[in-house]
């Protein structure tokens, strides 16, 4: 009984862990995103392409017959020929799939770019350094005055530099 309990506990830990839940959410959102992209290509881009090119952009029924089955007298379309056992090079289907891939890749690129630009916030300009406190400003002024005064007085070995610490004499 404890092995079954351990197994169930292990399964529960796996199922509710962040990784499994994140993966499930990612798959569901990915499927929905795929439907959106597919709809953009099929329902928006392809009709415009068909209108511009003056017809249906579909090469799926373009092929070369490499070997015809003996005695075949049926229709000369791809589906019937392949059912009859003809060897065909379906270059049109490949071309259609390739064009769809390029269009899908473009739409995905466009959507990701739009999402990234919407998500990107301009970085704020770096803040100017805060002004030093007034006591620091006064201390700097005193230091500068002492340095000016010290530079004006000639020093001899008998009169040590007044700004030097006594331990460095």
N, C-alpha and C. Protein backbone atom coordinates (compact mmCIF):
# COMPACT_ATOMS: atom_id res chain seq x y z
N UNK A 1 0.80 -1.19 0.00
CA UNK A 1 0.00 0.00 0.00
C UNK A 1 0.85 1.26 0.00
N UNK A 2 2.00 1.23 0.66
CA UNK A 2 2.85 2.43 0.73
C UNK A 2 3.49 2.72 -0.62
N UNK A 3 3.75 1.67 -1.42
CA UNK A 3 4.31 1.91 -2.76
C UNK A 3 3.31 2.65 -3.63
N UNK A 4 2.04 2.25 -3.54
CA UNK A 4 1.00 2.93 -4.32
C UNK A 4 0.85 4.37 -3.84
N UNK A 5 0.90 4.57 -2.54
CA UNK A 5 0.81 5.92 -1.99
C UNK A 5 2.00 6.76 -2.45
N UNK A 6 3.18 6.17 -2.42
CA UNK A 6 4.38 6.87 -2.88
C UNK A 6 4.29 7.23 -4.35
N UNK A 7 3.76 6.30 -5.16
CA UNK A 7 3.60 6.54 -6.58
C UNK A 7 2.61 7.68 -6.82
N UNK A 8 1.48 7.63 -6.12
CA UNK A 8 0.47 8.68 -6.28
C UNK A 8 1.01 10.04 -5.82
N UNK A 9 1.76 10.03 -4.72
CA UNK A 9 2.36 11.27 -4.23
C UNK A 9 3.35 11.82 -5.26
N UNK A 10 4.15 10.91 -5.82
CA UNK A 10 5.14 11.33 -6.82
C UNK A 10 4.44 11.89 -8.06
N UNK A 11 3.35 11.22 -8.49
CA UNK A 11 2.60 11.71 -9.64
C UNK A 11 1.99 13.09 -9.35
N UNK A 12 1.41 13.25 -8.16
CA UNK A 12 0.82 14.53 -7.78
C UNK A 12 1.88 15.63 -7.78
N UNK A 13 3.05 15.32 -7.24
CA UNK A 13 4.14 16.31 -7.22
C UNK A 13 4.54 16.70 -8.63
N UNK A 14 4.59 15.70 -9.52
CA UNK A 14 4.95 15.97 -10.92
C UNK A 14 3.88 16.81 -11.60
N UNK A 15 2.61 16.43 -11.40
CA UNK A 15 1.51 17.07 -12.12
C UNK A 15 1.31 18.53 -11.70
N UNK A 16 1.55 18.82 -10.43
CA UNK A 16 1.31 20.19 -9.98
C UNK A 16 2.58 21.02 -9.95
N UNK A 17 3.70 20.44 -10.33
CA UNK A 17 4.94 21.22 -10.41
C UNK A 17 4.77 22.28 -11.48
N UNK A 18 5.48 23.36 -11.33
CA UNK A 18 5.39 24.46 -12.28
C UNK A 18 5.72 24.06 -13.70
N UNK A 19 6.70 23.17 -13.90
CA UNK A 19 7.12 22.82 -15.25
C UNK A 19 6.00 22.13 -16.02
N UNK A 20 5.31 21.17 -15.39
CA UNK A 20 4.25 20.44 -16.09
C UNK A 20 3.08 21.37 -16.41
N UNK A 21 2.72 22.21 -15.48
CA UNK A 21 1.62 23.15 -15.70
C UNK A 21 2.01 24.16 -16.79
N UNK A 22 3.23 24.68 -16.71
CA UNK A 22 3.69 25.63 -17.73
C UNK A 22 3.69 25.00 -19.11
N UNK A 23 4.11 23.73 -19.18
CA UNK A 23 4.13 23.03 -20.46
C UNK A 23 2.71 22.88 -21.00
N UNK A 24 1.77 22.50 -20.15
CA UNK A 24 0.39 22.34 -20.59
C UNK A 24 -0.18 23.66 -21.09
N UNK A 25 0.06 24.72 -20.37
CA UNK A 25 -0.43 26.04 -20.79
C UNK A 25 0.22 26.43 -22.11
N UNK A 26 1.52 26.17 -22.24
CA UNK A 26 2.23 26.49 -23.48
C UNK A 26 1.67 25.74 -24.68
N UNK A 27 1.35 24.46 -24.48
CA UNK A 27 0.79 23.66 -25.58
C UNK A 27 -0.58 24.20 -25.99
N UNK A 28 -1.40 24.52 -25.00
CA UNK A 28 -2.75 25.03 -25.30
C UNK A 28 -2.67 26.38 -26.01
N UNK A 29 -1.85 27.28 -25.50
CA UNK A 29 -1.70 28.59 -26.14
C UNK A 29 -1.06 28.44 -27.52
N UNK A 30 -0.10 27.52 -27.65
CA UNK A 30 0.52 27.28 -28.94
C UNK A 30 -0.48 26.78 -29.97
N UNK A 31 -1.38 25.90 -29.55
CA UNK A 31 -2.41 25.40 -30.48
C UNK A 31 -3.33 26.53 -30.91
N UNK A 32 -3.72 27.37 -29.97
CA UNK A 32 -4.59 28.50 -30.32
C UNK A 32 -3.85 29.49 -31.23
N UNK A 33 -2.58 29.74 -30.93
CA UNK A 33 -1.77 30.63 -31.76
C UNK A 33 -1.63 30.06 -33.17
N UNK A 34 -1.46 28.74 -33.27
CA UNK A 34 -1.36 28.09 -34.58
C UNK A 34 -2.63 28.29 -35.40
N UNK A 35 -3.78 28.22 -34.74
CA UNK A 35 -5.05 28.43 -35.45
C UNK A 35 -5.15 29.87 -35.95
N UNK A 36 -4.69 30.81 -35.14
CA UNK A 36 -4.72 32.22 -35.56
C UNK A 36 -3.84 32.43 -36.79
N UNK A 37 -2.62 31.89 -36.73
CA UNK A 37 -1.69 32.05 -37.85
C UNK A 37 -2.24 31.37 -39.09
N UNK A 38 -2.79 30.17 -38.93
CA UNK A 38 -3.36 29.44 -40.06
C UNK A 38 -4.51 30.23 -40.68
N UNK A 39 -5.35 30.83 -39.85
CA UNK A 39 -6.46 31.62 -40.35
C UNK A 39 -5.97 32.87 -41.09
N UNK A 40 -4.94 33.51 -40.57
CA UNK A 40 -4.40 34.69 -41.25
C UNK A 40 -3.91 34.31 -42.65
N UNK A 41 -3.22 33.18 -42.75
CA UNK A 41 -2.70 32.76 -44.05
C UNK A 41 -3.84 32.36 -44.98
N UNK A 42 -4.74 31.48 -44.51
CA UNK A 42 -5.81 30.96 -45.37
C UNK A 42 -6.88 32.00 -45.69
N UNK A 43 -7.26 32.79 -44.69
CA UNK A 43 -8.42 33.67 -44.86
C UNK A 43 -8.07 35.09 -45.27
N UNK A 44 -6.82 35.50 -45.11
CA UNK A 44 -6.46 36.88 -45.44
C UNK A 44 -5.40 36.93 -46.53
N UNK A 45 -4.27 36.27 -46.31
CA UNK A 45 -3.15 36.39 -47.26
C UNK A 45 -3.43 35.64 -48.57
N UNK A 46 -3.89 34.40 -48.49
CA UNK A 46 -4.11 33.63 -49.72
C UNK A 46 -5.19 34.23 -50.61
N UNK A 47 -6.33 34.71 -50.08
CA UNK A 47 -7.29 35.36 -50.99
C UNK A 47 -6.71 36.59 -51.69
N UNK A 48 -5.91 37.37 -50.97
CA UNK A 48 -5.28 38.53 -51.60
C UNK A 48 -4.29 38.07 -52.67
N UNK A 49 -3.51 37.03 -52.37
CA UNK A 49 -2.56 36.50 -53.36
C UNK A 49 -3.30 35.96 -54.57
N UNK A 50 -4.40 35.25 -54.36
CA UNK A 50 -5.20 34.73 -55.48
C UNK A 50 -5.77 35.88 -56.32
N UNK A 51 -6.22 36.94 -55.67
CA UNK A 51 -6.78 38.08 -56.38
C UNK A 51 -5.70 38.78 -57.21
N UNK A 52 -4.51 38.95 -56.62
CA UNK A 52 -3.41 39.62 -57.33
C UNK A 52 -2.96 38.77 -58.52
N UNK A 53 -2.83 37.46 -58.32
CA UNK A 53 -2.34 36.58 -59.38
C UNK A 53 -3.43 36.16 -60.35
N UNK A 54 -4.67 36.54 -60.09
CA UNK A 54 -5.75 36.28 -61.02
C UNK A 54 -6.24 34.84 -61.04
N UNK A 55 -6.13 34.13 -59.98
CA UNK A 55 -6.62 32.75 -59.93
C UNK A 55 -6.23 32.08 -58.63
N UNK A 56 -6.53 30.80 -58.58
CA UNK A 56 -6.23 30.03 -57.38
C UNK A 56 -4.75 29.67 -57.37
N UNK A 57 -4.06 30.03 -56.27
CA UNK A 57 -2.65 29.69 -56.13
C UNK A 57 -2.60 28.32 -55.45
N UNK A 58 -2.65 27.28 -56.28
CA UNK A 58 -2.63 25.92 -55.75
C UNK A 58 -1.96 25.03 -56.78
N UNK A 59 -0.82 24.52 -56.41
CA UNK A 59 -0.07 23.67 -57.32
C UNK A 59 -0.14 22.20 -56.93
N UNK A 60 -1.08 21.84 -56.03
CA UNK A 60 -1.08 20.47 -55.50
C UNK A 60 -1.35 19.43 -56.58
N UNK A 61 -1.97 19.80 -57.67
CA UNK A 61 -2.24 18.82 -58.73
C UNK A 61 -1.23 18.92 -59.87
N UNK A 62 -0.09 19.52 -59.61
CA UNK A 62 1.00 19.57 -60.60
C UNK A 62 2.01 18.48 -60.24
N UNK A 63 2.28 17.62 -61.20
CA UNK A 63 3.19 16.49 -60.93
C UNK A 63 3.72 15.96 -62.25
N UNK A 64 4.77 15.14 -62.14
CA UNK A 64 5.32 14.43 -63.29
C UNK A 64 5.11 12.94 -63.05
N UNK A 65 4.64 12.29 -64.06
CA UNK A 65 4.43 10.84 -63.95
C UNK A 65 5.75 10.17 -64.33
N UNK A 66 6.30 9.42 -63.39
CA UNK A 66 7.55 8.71 -63.64
C UNK A 66 7.28 7.31 -64.18
N UNK A 67 6.22 6.68 -63.67
CA UNK A 67 5.85 5.36 -64.18
C UNK A 67 4.35 5.19 -64.04
N UNK A 68 3.70 4.92 -65.17
CA UNK A 68 2.24 4.75 -65.21
C UNK A 68 1.92 3.27 -65.01
N UNK A 69 0.90 2.95 -64.23
CA UNK A 69 0.51 1.54 -64.09
C UNK A 69 0.01 1.01 -65.44
N UNK A 70 0.29 -0.26 -65.70
CA UNK A 70 -0.12 -0.85 -66.98
C UNK A 70 -1.64 -0.90 -67.08
N UNK A 71 -2.12 -0.46 -68.20
CA UNK A 71 -3.54 -0.52 -68.50
C UNK A 71 -4.38 0.52 -67.76
N UNK A 72 -3.77 1.53 -67.19
CA UNK A 72 -4.53 2.55 -66.46
C UNK A 72 -5.24 3.45 -67.45
N UNK A 73 -6.55 3.61 -67.23
CA UNK A 73 -7.35 4.48 -68.10
C UNK A 73 -8.18 5.47 -67.30
N UNK A 74 -7.89 5.59 -66.01
CA UNK A 74 -8.67 6.48 -65.14
C UNK A 74 -8.26 7.93 -65.29
N UNK A 75 -8.80 8.75 -64.39
CA UNK A 75 -8.49 10.18 -64.44
C UNK A 75 -7.00 10.43 -64.21
N UNK A 76 -6.53 11.52 -64.78
CA UNK A 76 -5.10 11.85 -64.69
C UNK A 76 -4.85 12.90 -63.61
N UNK A 77 -5.41 12.68 -62.44
CA UNK A 77 -5.11 13.58 -61.33
C UNK A 77 -4.27 12.84 -60.30
N UNK A 78 -3.66 13.60 -59.43
CA UNK A 78 -2.68 13.05 -58.49
C UNK A 78 -3.30 11.98 -57.58
N UNK A 79 -4.47 12.25 -57.04
CA UNK A 79 -5.08 11.32 -56.09
C UNK A 79 -5.39 9.98 -56.75
N UNK A 80 -6.00 10.01 -57.94
CA UNK A 80 -6.36 8.76 -58.61
C UNK A 80 -5.13 8.01 -59.11
N UNK A 81 -4.13 8.74 -59.61
CA UNK A 81 -2.92 8.08 -60.08
C UNK A 81 -2.18 7.39 -58.94
N UNK A 82 -2.05 8.04 -57.80
CA UNK A 82 -1.34 7.40 -56.69
C UNK A 82 -2.13 6.22 -56.13
N UNK A 83 -3.47 6.29 -56.14
CA UNK A 83 -4.28 5.14 -55.71
C UNK A 83 -4.07 3.96 -56.64
N UNK A 84 -3.89 4.24 -57.92
CA UNK A 84 -3.70 3.18 -58.91
C UNK A 84 -2.28 2.63 -58.88
N UNK A 85 -1.38 3.26 -58.14
CA UNK A 85 -0.01 2.75 -58.03
C UNK A 85 0.99 3.41 -58.96
N UNK A 86 0.63 4.53 -59.54
CA UNK A 86 1.56 5.24 -60.41
C UNK A 86 2.66 5.87 -59.55
N UNK A 87 3.85 5.95 -60.14
CA UNK A 87 4.96 6.62 -59.46
C UNK A 87 4.99 8.04 -60.01
N UNK A 88 4.72 9.00 -59.12
CA UNK A 88 4.66 10.40 -59.54
C UNK A 88 5.57 11.24 -58.67
N UNK A 89 6.13 12.25 -59.29
CA UNK A 89 6.94 13.23 -58.58
C UNK A 89 6.04 14.45 -58.36
N UNK A 90 5.59 14.63 -57.13
CA UNK A 90 4.58 15.65 -56.81
C UNK A 90 5.25 16.98 -56.50
N UNK A 91 5.84 17.60 -57.51
CA UNK A 91 6.55 18.85 -57.30
C UNK A 91 5.58 19.99 -56.95
N UNK A 92 4.38 19.95 -57.43
CA UNK A 92 3.40 20.99 -57.14
C UNK A 92 2.98 20.99 -55.68
N UNK A 93 2.79 19.80 -55.11
CA UNK A 93 2.43 19.71 -53.70
C UNK A 93 3.58 20.24 -52.84
N UNK A 94 4.81 19.87 -53.21
CA UNK A 94 5.97 20.38 -52.47
C UNK A 94 6.03 21.90 -52.56
N UNK A 95 5.81 22.44 -53.75
CA UNK A 95 5.86 23.89 -53.94
C UNK A 95 4.77 24.59 -53.12
N UNK A 96 3.57 24.02 -53.11
CA UNK A 96 2.48 24.60 -52.31
C UNK A 96 2.82 24.59 -50.83
N UNK A 97 3.35 23.47 -50.34
CA UNK A 97 3.73 23.38 -48.93
C UNK A 97 4.86 24.36 -48.62
N UNK A 98 5.81 24.50 -49.53
CA UNK A 98 6.92 25.43 -49.32
C UNK A 98 6.42 26.88 -49.27
N UNK A 99 5.53 27.24 -50.18
CA UNK A 99 4.97 28.60 -50.18
C UNK A 99 4.19 28.85 -48.89
N UNK A 100 3.40 27.86 -48.47
CA UNK A 100 2.66 28.00 -47.21
C UNK A 100 3.61 28.16 -46.03
N UNK A 101 4.73 27.43 -46.05
CA UNK A 101 5.71 27.56 -44.98
C UNK A 101 6.29 28.97 -44.94
N UNK A 102 6.65 29.50 -46.10
CA UNK A 102 7.20 30.85 -46.15
C UNK A 102 6.18 31.86 -45.64
N UNK A 103 4.94 31.72 -46.06
CA UNK A 103 3.89 32.63 -45.60
C UNK A 103 3.68 32.51 -44.09
N UNK A 104 3.62 31.27 -43.59
CA UNK A 104 3.46 31.06 -42.14
C UNK A 104 4.63 31.65 -41.37
N UNK A 105 5.84 31.43 -41.86
CA UNK A 105 7.02 31.96 -41.18
C UNK A 105 6.96 33.49 -41.15
N UNK A 106 6.53 34.09 -42.26
CA UNK A 106 6.42 35.55 -42.31
C UNK A 106 5.37 36.05 -41.31
N UNK A 107 4.22 35.40 -41.28
CA UNK A 107 3.16 35.82 -40.36
C UNK A 107 3.60 35.66 -38.91
N UNK A 108 4.25 34.55 -38.60
CA UNK A 108 4.73 34.34 -37.23
C UNK A 108 5.77 35.40 -36.88
N UNK A 109 6.69 35.68 -37.80
CA UNK A 109 7.70 36.72 -37.56
C UNK A 109 7.02 38.06 -37.29
N UNK A 110 6.03 38.39 -38.11
CA UNK A 110 5.32 39.65 -37.98
C UNK A 110 4.61 39.74 -36.63
N UNK A 111 3.96 38.65 -36.23
CA UNK A 111 3.22 38.65 -34.96
C UNK A 111 4.18 38.74 -33.77
N UNK A 112 5.28 37.98 -33.80
CA UNK A 112 6.25 38.03 -32.70
C UNK A 112 6.87 39.42 -32.62
N UNK A 113 7.17 40.01 -33.77
CA UNK A 113 7.73 41.36 -33.78
C UNK A 113 6.74 42.36 -33.18
N UNK A 114 5.48 42.24 -33.52
CA UNK A 114 4.46 43.14 -32.97
C UNK A 114 4.31 42.94 -31.47
N UNK A 115 4.32 41.70 -31.02
CA UNK A 115 4.20 41.42 -29.58
C UNK A 115 5.41 41.95 -28.84
N UNK A 116 6.60 41.73 -29.40
CA UNK A 116 7.81 42.22 -28.74
C UNK A 116 7.85 43.74 -28.67
N UNK A 117 7.41 44.41 -29.73
CA UNK A 117 7.43 45.87 -29.70
C UNK A 117 6.38 46.40 -28.72
N UNK A 118 5.27 45.70 -28.56
CA UNK A 118 4.26 46.12 -27.59
C UNK A 118 4.75 45.88 -26.17
N UNK A 119 5.52 44.82 -25.99
CA UNK A 119 6.02 44.46 -24.67
C UNK A 119 7.22 45.31 -24.27
N UNK A 120 8.00 45.78 -25.25
CA UNK A 120 9.23 46.52 -24.96
C UNK A 120 8.88 47.92 -24.47
N UNK A 121 9.35 48.23 -23.31
CA UNK A 121 9.16 49.57 -22.76
C UNK A 121 10.49 50.29 -22.84
N UNK A 122 10.49 51.54 -23.27
CA UNK A 122 11.77 52.25 -23.32
C UNK A 122 12.34 52.39 -21.91
N UNK A 123 13.65 52.21 -21.85
CA UNK A 123 14.31 52.30 -20.55
C UNK A 123 14.33 53.76 -20.11
N UNK A 124 14.05 53.98 -18.83
CA UNK A 124 14.09 55.37 -18.35
C UNK A 124 15.51 55.91 -18.40
N UNK A 125 15.60 57.21 -18.61
CA UNK A 125 16.92 57.85 -18.65
C UNK A 125 17.57 57.70 -17.28
N UNK A 126 18.89 57.50 -17.28
CA UNK A 126 19.54 57.34 -15.98
C UNK A 126 19.34 58.59 -15.13
N UNK A 127 19.07 58.37 -13.88
CA UNK A 127 18.82 59.49 -12.96
C UNK A 127 20.12 60.24 -12.72
N UNK A 128 19.98 61.55 -12.60
CA UNK A 128 21.16 62.36 -12.30
C UNK A 128 21.61 62.03 -10.89
N UNK A 129 22.91 62.01 -10.67
CA UNK A 129 23.36 61.71 -9.31
C UNK A 129 22.84 62.77 -8.35
N UNK A 130 22.49 62.31 -7.18
CA UNK A 130 21.95 63.23 -6.17
C UNK A 130 23.03 64.23 -5.76
N UNK A 131 22.59 65.42 -5.49
CA UNK A 131 23.53 66.46 -5.04
C UNK A 131 24.10 66.05 -3.68
N UNK A 132 25.39 66.28 -3.48
CA UNK A 132 25.97 65.90 -2.18
C UNK A 132 25.35 66.73 -1.06
N UNK A 133 25.33 66.16 0.12
CA UNK A 133 24.77 66.92 1.25
C UNK A 133 25.57 68.21 1.49
N UNK A 134 24.93 69.16 2.15
CA UNK A 134 25.53 70.48 2.35
C UNK A 134 26.83 70.40 3.15
N UNK A 135 26.91 69.50 4.12
CA UNK A 135 28.14 69.40 4.91
C UNK A 135 29.32 68.93 4.06
N UNK A 136 29.05 68.05 3.08
CA UNK A 136 30.12 67.60 2.19
C UNK A 136 30.57 68.75 1.31
N UNK A 137 29.64 69.55 0.82
CA UNK A 137 29.99 70.71 -0.01
C UNK A 137 30.87 71.68 0.79
N UNK A 138 30.51 71.95 2.04
CA UNK A 138 31.30 72.87 2.89
C UNK A 138 32.68 72.29 3.13
N UNK A 139 32.77 70.99 3.41
CA UNK A 139 34.08 70.37 3.63
C UNK A 139 34.95 70.45 2.38
N UNK A 140 34.37 70.28 1.21
CA UNK A 140 35.14 70.40 -0.03
C UNK A 140 35.65 71.83 -0.22
N UNK A 141 34.82 72.80 0.09
CA UNK A 141 35.24 74.20 -0.02
C UNK A 141 36.40 74.49 0.93
N UNK A 142 36.32 73.99 2.15
CA UNK A 142 37.41 74.17 3.12
C UNK A 142 38.68 73.52 2.60
N UNK A 143 38.57 72.31 2.08
CA UNK A 143 39.74 71.62 1.52
C UNK A 143 40.37 72.43 0.41
N UNK A 144 39.54 72.92 -0.51
CA UNK A 144 40.07 73.69 -1.64
C UNK A 144 40.75 74.97 -1.17
N UNK A 145 40.17 75.64 -0.18
CA UNK A 145 40.80 76.86 0.36
C UNK A 145 42.13 76.54 1.03
N UNK A 146 42.19 75.45 1.78
CA UNK A 146 43.45 75.06 2.42
C UNK A 146 44.51 74.71 1.38
N UNK A 147 44.10 74.04 0.31
CA UNK A 147 45.07 73.70 -0.75
C UNK A 147 45.61 74.97 -1.41
N UNK A 148 44.74 75.95 -1.67
CA UNK A 148 45.20 77.22 -2.25
C UNK A 148 46.15 77.93 -1.29
N UNK A 149 45.77 77.97 -0.04
CA UNK A 149 46.60 78.64 0.97
C UNK A 149 47.93 77.93 1.11
N UNK A 150 47.93 76.64 1.10
CA UNK A 150 49.14 75.84 1.23
C UNK A 150 50.06 76.04 0.03
N UNK A 151 49.50 76.20 -1.15
CA UNK A 151 50.31 76.40 -2.35
C UNK A 151 50.96 77.77 -2.34
N UNK A 152 50.36 78.74 -1.68
CA UNK A 152 50.89 80.11 -1.64
C UNK A 152 52.04 80.25 -0.65
N UNK A 153 52.15 79.40 0.35
CA UNK A 153 53.19 79.50 1.39
C UNK A 153 54.34 78.58 1.01
N UNK A 154 55.60 79.13 0.93
CA UNK A 154 56.73 78.24 0.63
C UNK A 154 57.04 77.37 1.85
N UNK A 155 57.41 76.14 1.61
CA UNK A 155 57.68 75.20 2.69
C UNK A 155 59.17 74.94 2.77
N UNK A 156 59.64 74.89 3.99
CA UNK A 156 61.04 74.53 4.26
C UNK A 156 61.02 73.30 5.14
N UNK A 157 62.15 72.66 5.29
CA UNK A 157 62.15 71.49 6.17
C UNK A 157 61.75 71.85 7.58
N UNK A 158 61.96 73.08 8.01
CA UNK A 158 61.59 73.48 9.36
C UNK A 158 60.08 73.70 9.47
N UNK A 159 59.42 74.04 8.35
CA UNK A 159 57.96 74.22 8.40
C UNK A 159 57.30 73.12 7.56
N UNK A 160 56.89 72.08 8.19
CA UNK A 160 56.29 70.96 7.44
C UNK A 160 54.95 71.36 6.79
N UNK A 161 54.57 70.57 5.82
CA UNK A 161 53.30 70.79 5.12
C UNK A 161 52.16 70.66 6.12
N UNK A 162 51.34 71.70 6.28
CA UNK A 162 50.28 71.65 7.30
C UNK A 162 49.18 70.64 6.98
N UNK A 163 49.08 70.22 5.72
CA UNK A 163 48.02 69.28 5.37
C UNK A 163 48.46 67.83 5.50
N UNK A 164 49.74 67.60 5.76
CA UNK A 164 50.20 66.22 5.92
C UNK A 164 49.82 65.73 7.30
N UNK A 165 49.48 64.48 7.36
CA UNK A 165 49.15 63.90 8.66
C UNK A 165 50.44 63.74 9.46
N UNK A 166 50.34 63.87 10.78
CA UNK A 166 51.55 63.78 11.62
C UNK A 166 52.26 62.44 11.50
N UNK A 167 51.55 61.38 11.25
CA UNK A 167 52.19 60.06 11.17
C UNK A 167 52.98 59.88 9.88
N UNK A 168 52.83 60.77 8.90
CA UNK A 168 53.58 60.67 7.65
C UNK A 168 54.72 61.66 7.57
N UNK A 169 55.03 62.37 8.64
CA UNK A 169 56.13 63.36 8.63
C UNK A 169 57.46 62.71 8.56
